């Protein structure tokens, strides 16, 4: 067995790799097509520009000038233009904060990767909204059954918490 015990081979065969590593590997090709060799700018956009600006803007692509890859094979290209899609009057504020934004982006990359920003005004892609269950009010007969179940509980705080839980479980809209 080439010096490997049967247990180690079995554990390697059945252990799953971390899902985050798989997702990043699959997404990397999509990022590269849009010029993002690293996903840092996309992943940390709210931290770079702030939550208020990130709500109305999104980085679209990163374009490096031709011949910027002559760095001895280290993969560090500089002087890129970052295209950002903005919605509404936020473009004026982003244009005003351009030097600070470029500085923050370059600090994420660790070198002067981005030289300028190009703004495109237009609607942002729709962000998925969190799905919440709808809780309907309990019918009188449902409330009576719930109160009967909770009569035996002596502690008021626990009874109140269980009553709220019961209302949510019974009153949850089960339609999908």
C-alpha atoms as a PDB file:
ATOM      1  CA  UNK A   1       0.000   0.000   0.000  1.00  0.00           C
ATOM      2  CA  UNK A   2       3.007   2.290  -0.417  1.00  0.00           C
ATOM      3  CA  UNK A   3       3.353   2.957   3.309  1.00  0.00           C
ATOM      4  CA  UNK A   4      -0.203   4.267   3.754  1.00  0.00           C
ATOM      5  CA  UNK A   5      -2.425   2.489   6.214  1.00  0.00           C
ATOM      6  CA  UNK A   6      -5.861   1.359   5.146  1.00  0.00           C
ATOM      7  CA  UNK A   7      -7.519   3.827   7.547  1.00  0.00           C
ATOM      8  CA  UNK A   8      -5.825   6.870   6.029  1.00  0.00           C
ATOM      9  CA  UNK A   9      -6.769   5.833   2.504  1.00  0.00           C
ATOM     10  CA  UNK A  10     -10.378   5.271   3.559  1.00  0.00           C
ATOM     11  CA  UNK A  11     -10.579   8.641   5.317  1.00  0.00           C
ATOM     12  CA  UNK A  12      -9.175  10.418   2.263  1.00  0.00           C
ATOM     13  CA  UNK A  13     -11.595   8.685  -0.037  1.00  0.00           C
ATOM     14  CA  UNK A  14     -14.675   9.686   1.955  1.00  0.00           C
ATOM     15  CA  UNK A  15     -13.745  13.136   3.247  1.00  0.00           C
ATOM     16  CA  UNK A  16     -15.285  16.086   1.456  1.00  0.00           C
ATOM     17  CA  UNK A  17     -13.304  19.219   0.605  1.00  0.00           C
ATOM     18  CA  UNK A  18     -14.530  22.540   2.015  1.00  0.00           C
ATOM     19  CA  UNK A  19     -17.412  23.930  -0.049  1.00  0.00           C
ATOM     20  CA  UNK A  20     -15.876  27.427  -0.077  1.00  0.00           C
ATOM     21  CA  UNK A  21     -12.840  26.140  -1.968  1.00  0.00           C
ATOM     22  CA  UNK A  22     -15.053  24.535  -4.596  1.00  0.00           C
ATOM     23  CA  UNK A  23     -17.232  27.632  -5.061  1.00  0.00           C
ATOM     24  CA  UNK A  24     -14.227  29.908  -5.443  1.00  0.00           C
ATOM     25  CA  UNK A  25     -12.653  27.546  -7.981  1.00  0.00           C
ATOM     26  CA  UNK A  26     -15.823  27.495 -10.084  1.00  0.00           C
ATOM     27  CA  UNK A  27     -16.386  31.248  -9.790  1.00  0.00           C
ATOM     28  CA  UNK A  28     -12.757  32.118 -10.577  1.00  0.00           C
ATOM     29  CA  UNK A  29     -13.240  31.603 -14.333  1.00  0.00           C
ATOM     30  CA  UNK A  30     -16.205  34.004 -14.327  1.00  0.00           C
ATOM     31  CA  UNK A  31     -14.161  36.572 -12.390  1.00  0.00           C
ATOM     32  CA  UNK A  32     -11.213  36.274 -14.799  1.00  0.00           C
ATOM     33  CA  UNK A  33     -13.489  36.898 -17.795  1.00  0.00           C
ATOM     34  CA  UNK A  34     -14.482  40.207 -16.200  1.00  0.00           C
ATOM     35  CA  UNK A  35     -10.875  41.122 -15.409  1.00  0.00           C
ATOM     36  CA  UNK A  36     -10.928  40.237 -11.711  1.00  0.00           C
ATOM     37  CA  UNK A  37      -7.891  38.017 -11.186  1.00  0.00           C
ATOM     38  CA  UNK A  38      -8.674  38.212  -7.501  1.00  0.00           C
ATOM     39  CA  UNK A  39     -12.193  38.338  -6.122  1.00  0.00           C
ATOM     40  CA  UNK A  40     -11.236  40.744  -3.317  1.00  0.00           C
ATOM     41  CA  UNK A  41     -12.823  43.813  -4.859  1.00  0.00           C
ATOM     42  CA  UNK A  42     -16.098  42.026  -5.532  1.00  0.00           C
ATOM     43  CA  UNK A  43     -16.246  40.303  -2.172  1.00  0.00           C
ATOM     44  CA  UNK A  44     -15.280  43.368  -0.137  1.00  0.00           C
ATOM     45  CA  UNK A  45     -16.965  46.149  -2.097  1.00  0.00           C
ATOM     46  CA  UNK A  46     -19.101  47.317   0.878  1.00  0.00           C
ATOM     47  CA  UNK A  47     -15.980  47.586   3.060  1.00  0.00           C
ATOM     48  CA  UNK A  48     -14.069  49.467   0.353  1.00  0.00           C
ATOM     49  CA  UNK A  49     -16.618  52.176  -0.439  1.00  0.00           C
ATOM     50  CA  UNK A  50     -18.862  51.940   2.607  1.00  0.00           C
ATOM     51  CA  UNK A  51     -22.279  50.358   2.959  1.00  0.00           C
ATOM     52  CA  UNK A  52     -24.120  53.496   1.790  1.00  0.00           C
ATOM     53  CA  UNK A  53     -22.282  53.733  -1.540  1.00  0.00           C
ATOM     54  CA  UNK A  54     -22.158  49.961  -2.062  1.00  0.00           C
ATOM     55  CA  UNK A  55     -25.939  49.865  -1.978  1.00  0.00           C
ATOM     56  CA  UNK A  56     -26.063  52.004  -5.133  1.00  0.00           C
ATOM     57  CA  UNK A  57     -22.927  50.808  -6.945  1.00  0.00           C
ATOM     58  CA  UNK A  58     -21.260  47.591  -8.078  1.00  0.00           C
ATOM     59  CA  UNK A  59     -17.893  46.858  -9.710  1.00  0.00           C
ATOM     60  CA  UNK A  60     -18.362  45.414 -13.205  1.00  0.00           C
ATOM     61  CA  UNK A  61     -14.969  44.789 -14.751  1.00  0.00           C
ATOM     62  CA  UNK A  62     -11.300  45.496 -14.357  1.00  0.00           C
ATOM     63  CA  UNK A  63      -9.359  46.256 -17.540  1.00  0.00           C
ATOM     64  CA  UNK A  64      -5.567  46.344 -17.560  1.00  0.00           C
ATOM     65  CA  UNK A  65      -3.725  48.256 -20.293  1.00  0.00           C
ATOM     66  CA  UNK A  66      -1.817  46.222 -22.864  1.00  0.00           C
ATOM     67  CA  UNK A  67       1.730  45.386 -21.894  1.00  0.00           C
ATOM     68  CA  UNK A  68       1.114  45.860 -18.178  1.00  0.00           C
ATOM     69  CA  UNK A  69       2.006  42.230 -17.411  1.00  0.00           C
ATOM     70  CA  UNK A  70       5.782  42.705 -17.812  1.00  0.00           C
ATOM     71  CA  UNK A  71       6.721  42.226 -14.175  1.00  0.00           C
ATOM     72  CA  UNK A  72       8.938  39.176 -14.333  1.00  0.00           C
ATOM     73  CA  UNK A  73       6.112  36.639 -14.110  1.00  0.00           C
ATOM     74  CA  UNK A  74       4.813  37.655 -10.689  1.00  0.00           C
ATOM     75  CA  UNK A  75       1.280  38.198 -12.011  1.00  0.00           C
ATOM     76  CA  UNK A  76       1.089  41.789 -10.762  1.00  0.00           C
ATOM     77  CA  UNK A  77      -0.235  44.123 -13.407  1.00  0.00           C
ATOM     78  CA  UNK A  78      -0.846  47.776 -12.707  1.00  0.00           C
ATOM     79  CA  UNK A  79      -2.649  50.774 -14.133  1.00  0.00           C
ATOM     80  CA  UNK A  80      -6.059  49.120 -14.510  1.00  0.00           C
ATOM     81  CA  UNK A  81      -9.376  50.859 -15.049  1.00  0.00           C
ATOM     82  CA  UNK A  82     -12.174  49.637 -12.774  1.00  0.00           C
ATOM     83  CA  UNK A  83     -15.628  49.996 -14.327  1.00  0.00           C
ATOM     84  CA  UNK A  84     -18.337  50.621 -11.748  1.00  0.00           C
ATOM     85  CA  UNK A  85     -22.077  50.602 -12.413  1.00  0.00           C
ATOM     86  CA  UNK A  86     -23.842  53.270 -10.370  1.00  0.00           C
ATOM     87  CA  UNK A  87     -27.499  53.991  -9.826  1.00  0.00           C
ATOM     88  CA  UNK A  88     -28.748  57.529  -9.414  1.00  0.00           C
ATOM     89  CA  UNK A  89     -26.845  60.554  -8.170  1.00  0.00           C
ATOM     90  CA  UNK A  90     -24.269  58.406  -6.328  1.00  0.00           C
ATOM     91  CA  UNK A  91     -21.972  58.857  -9.345  1.00  0.00           C
ATOM     92  CA  UNK A  92     -21.160  62.398  -8.214  1.00  0.00           C
ATOM     93  CA  UNK A  93     -20.152  61.204  -4.763  1.00  0.00           C
ATOM     94  CA  UNK A  94     -18.078  58.310  -6.119  1.00  0.00           C
ATOM     95  CA  UNK A  95     -16.326  60.672  -8.541  1.00  0.00           C
ATOM     96  CA  UNK A  96     -15.562  62.984  -5.613  1.00  0.00           C
ATOM     97  CA  UNK A  97     -14.191  60.077  -3.526  1.00  0.00           C
ATOM     98  CA  UNK A  98     -12.270  58.496  -6.442  1.00  0.00           C
ATOM     99  CA  UNK A  99      -8.760  58.951  -4.963  1.00  0.00           C
ATOM    100  CA  UNK A 100      -9.795  57.391  -1.639  1.00  0.00           C
ATOM    101  CA  UNK A 101     -11.614  54.513  -3.359  1.00  0.00           C
ATOM    102  CA  UNK A 102      -8.599  53.767  -5.588  1.00  0.00           C
ATOM    103  CA  UNK A 103      -6.324  53.856  -2.552  1.00  0.00           C
ATOM    104  CA  UNK A 104      -8.574  51.410  -0.656  1.00  0.00           C
ATOM    105  CA  UNK A 105      -8.834  49.053  -3.659  1.00  0.00           C
ATOM    106  CA  UNK A 106      -5.072  49.050  -4.089  1.00  0.00           C
ATOM    107  CA  UNK A 107      -4.632  48.306  -0.397  1.00  0.00           C
ATOM    108  CA  UNK A 108      -6.796  45.208  -0.896  1.00  0.00           C
ATOM    109  CA  UNK A 109      -4.630  44.111  -3.819  1.00  0.00           C
ATOM    110  CA  UNK A 110      -1.441  45.039  -2.003  1.00  0.00           C
ATOM    111  CA  UNK A 111      -0.018  47.099  -4.893  1.00  0.00           C
ATOM    112  CA  UNK A 112      -1.110  49.817  -7.327  1.00  0.00           C
ATOM    113  CA  UNK A 113      -3.383  47.677  -9.484  1.00  0.00           C
ATOM    114  CA  UNK A 114      -6.097  50.282 -10.175  1.00  0.00           C
ATOM    115  CA  UNK A 115      -5.224  53.683 -11.640  1.00  0.00           C
ATOM    116  CA  UNK A 116      -8.674  55.096 -12.411  1.00  0.00           C
ATOM    117  CA  UNK A 117     -12.402  54.502 -12.180  1.00  0.00           C
ATOM    118  CA  UNK A 118     -14.863  54.487 -15.058  1.00  0.00           C
ATOM    119  CA  UNK A 119     -18.471  55.067 -14.039  1.00  0.00           C
ATOM    120  CA  UNK A 120     -21.475  53.769 -15.938  1.00  0.00           C
ATOM    121  CA  UNK A 121     -24.869  54.998 -14.854  1.00  0.00           C
ATOM    122  CA  UNK A 122     -27.668  52.502 -15.013  1.00  0.00           C
ATOM    123  CA  UNK A 123     -29.824  50.216 -12.923  1.00  0.00           C
ATOM    124  CA  UNK A 124     -28.042  47.700 -10.741  1.00  0.00           C
ATOM    125  CA  UNK A 125     -28.905  44.020 -10.918  1.00  0.00           C
ATOM    126  CA  UNK A 126     -31.716  43.120  -8.558  1.00  0.00           C
ATOM    127  CA  UNK A 127     -30.466  41.887  -5.210  1.00  0.00           C
ATOM    128  CA  UNK A 128     -32.209  38.862  -3.765  1.00  0.00           C
ATOM    129  CA  UNK A 129     -34.529  39.840  -0.965  1.00  0.00           C
ATOM    130  CA  UNK A 130     -34.696  37.711   2.157  1.00  0.00           C
ATOM    131  CA  UNK A 131     -37.739  35.498   2.284  1.00  0.00           C
ATOM    132  CA  UNK A 132     -39.836  35.792   5.394  1.00  0.00           C
ATOM    133  CA  UNK A 133     -42.663  33.530   6.415  1.00  0.00           C
ATOM    134  CA  UNK A 134     -46.035  35.147   6.706  1.00  0.00           C
ATOM    135  CA  UNK A 135     -47.620  34.633  10.098  1.00  0.00           C
ATOM    136  CA  UNK A 136     -51.386  34.814  10.105  1.00  0.00           C
ATOM    137  CA  UNK A 137     -53.436  35.502  13.251  1.00  0.00           C
ATOM    138  CA  UNK A 138     -54.661  32.348  14.950  1.00  0.00           C
ATOM    139  CA  UNK A 139     -58.299  31.392  14.694  1.00  0.00           C
ATOM    140  CA  UNK A 140     -60.152  31.242  18.042  1.00  0.00           C
ATOM    141  CA  UNK A 141     -60.215  27.417  18.107  1.00  0.00           C
ATOM    142  CA  UNK A 142     -56.454  27.275  17.382  1.00  0.00           C
ATOM    143  CA  UNK A 143     -55.758  29.752  20.191  1.00  0.00           C
ATOM    144  CA  UNK A 144     -57.875  27.687  22.628  1.00  0.00           C
ATOM    145  CA  UNK A 145     -55.910  24.521  21.826  1.00  0.00           C
ATOM    146  CA  UNK A 146     -52.612  26.360  22.286  1.00  0.00           C
ATOM    147  CA  UNK A 147     -53.721  27.843  25.631  1.00  0.00           C
ATOM    148  CA  UNK A 148     -54.820  24.374  26.829  1.00  0.00           C
ATOM    149  CA  UNK A 149     -51.394  22.942  26.035  1.00  0.00           C
ATOM    150  CA  UNK A 150     -49.668  25.772  27.893  1.00  0.00           C
ATOM    151  CA  UNK A 151     -51.882  25.690  31.044  1.00  0.00           C
ATOM    152  CA  UNK A 152     -49.543  23.213  32.763  1.00  0.00           C
ATOM    153  CA  UNK A 153     -46.529  25.513  32.528  1.00  0.00           C
ATOM    154  CA  UNK A 154     -46.180  27.473  35.760  1.00  0.00           C
ATOM    155  CA  UNK A 155     -43.378  29.902  34.911  1.00  0.00           C
ATOM    156  CA  UNK A 156     -44.905  32.976  33.196  1.00  0.00           C
ATOM    157  CA  UNK A 157     -41.852  33.917  31.104  1.00  0.00           C
ATOM    158  CA  UNK A 158     -41.514  30.395  29.717  1.00  0.00           C
ATOM    159  CA  UNK A 159     -45.257  30.160  29.030  1.00  0.00           C
ATOM    160  CA  UNK A 160     -45.183  33.504  27.187  1.00  0.00           C
ATOM    161  CA  UNK A 161     -42.190  32.454  25.069  1.00  0.00           C
ATOM    162  CA  UNK A 162     -43.814  29.134  24.190  1.00  0.00           C
ATOM    163  CA  UNK A 163     -47.064  30.914  23.326  1.00  0.00           C
ATOM    164  CA  UNK A 164     -45.212  33.189  20.863  1.00  0.00           C
ATOM    165  CA  UNK A 165     -43.486  30.147  19.391  1.00  0.00           C
ATOM    166  CA  UNK A 166     -46.790  28.301  19.107  1.00  0.00           C
ATOM    167  CA  UNK A 167     -48.413  31.275  17.353  1.00  0.00           C
ATOM    168  CA  UNK A 168     -45.605  31.327  14.804  1.00  0.00           C
ATOM    169  CA  UNK A 169     -45.655  27.573  14.206  1.00  0.00           C
ATOM    170  CA  UNK A 170     -49.422  27.283  13.922  1.00  0.00           C
ATOM    171  CA  UNK A 171     -49.893  30.554  12.037  1.00  0.00           C
ATOM    172  CA  UNK A 172     -47.064  30.005   9.530  1.00  0.00           C
ATOM    173  CA  UNK A 173     -48.140  30.092   5.900  1.00  0.00           C
ATOM    174  CA  UNK A 174     -47.126  26.699   4.580  1.00  0.00           C
ATOM    175  CA  UNK A 175     -47.677  27.513   0.913  1.00  0.00           C
ATOM    176  CA  UNK A 176     -44.555  27.577  -1.274  1.00  0.00           C
END
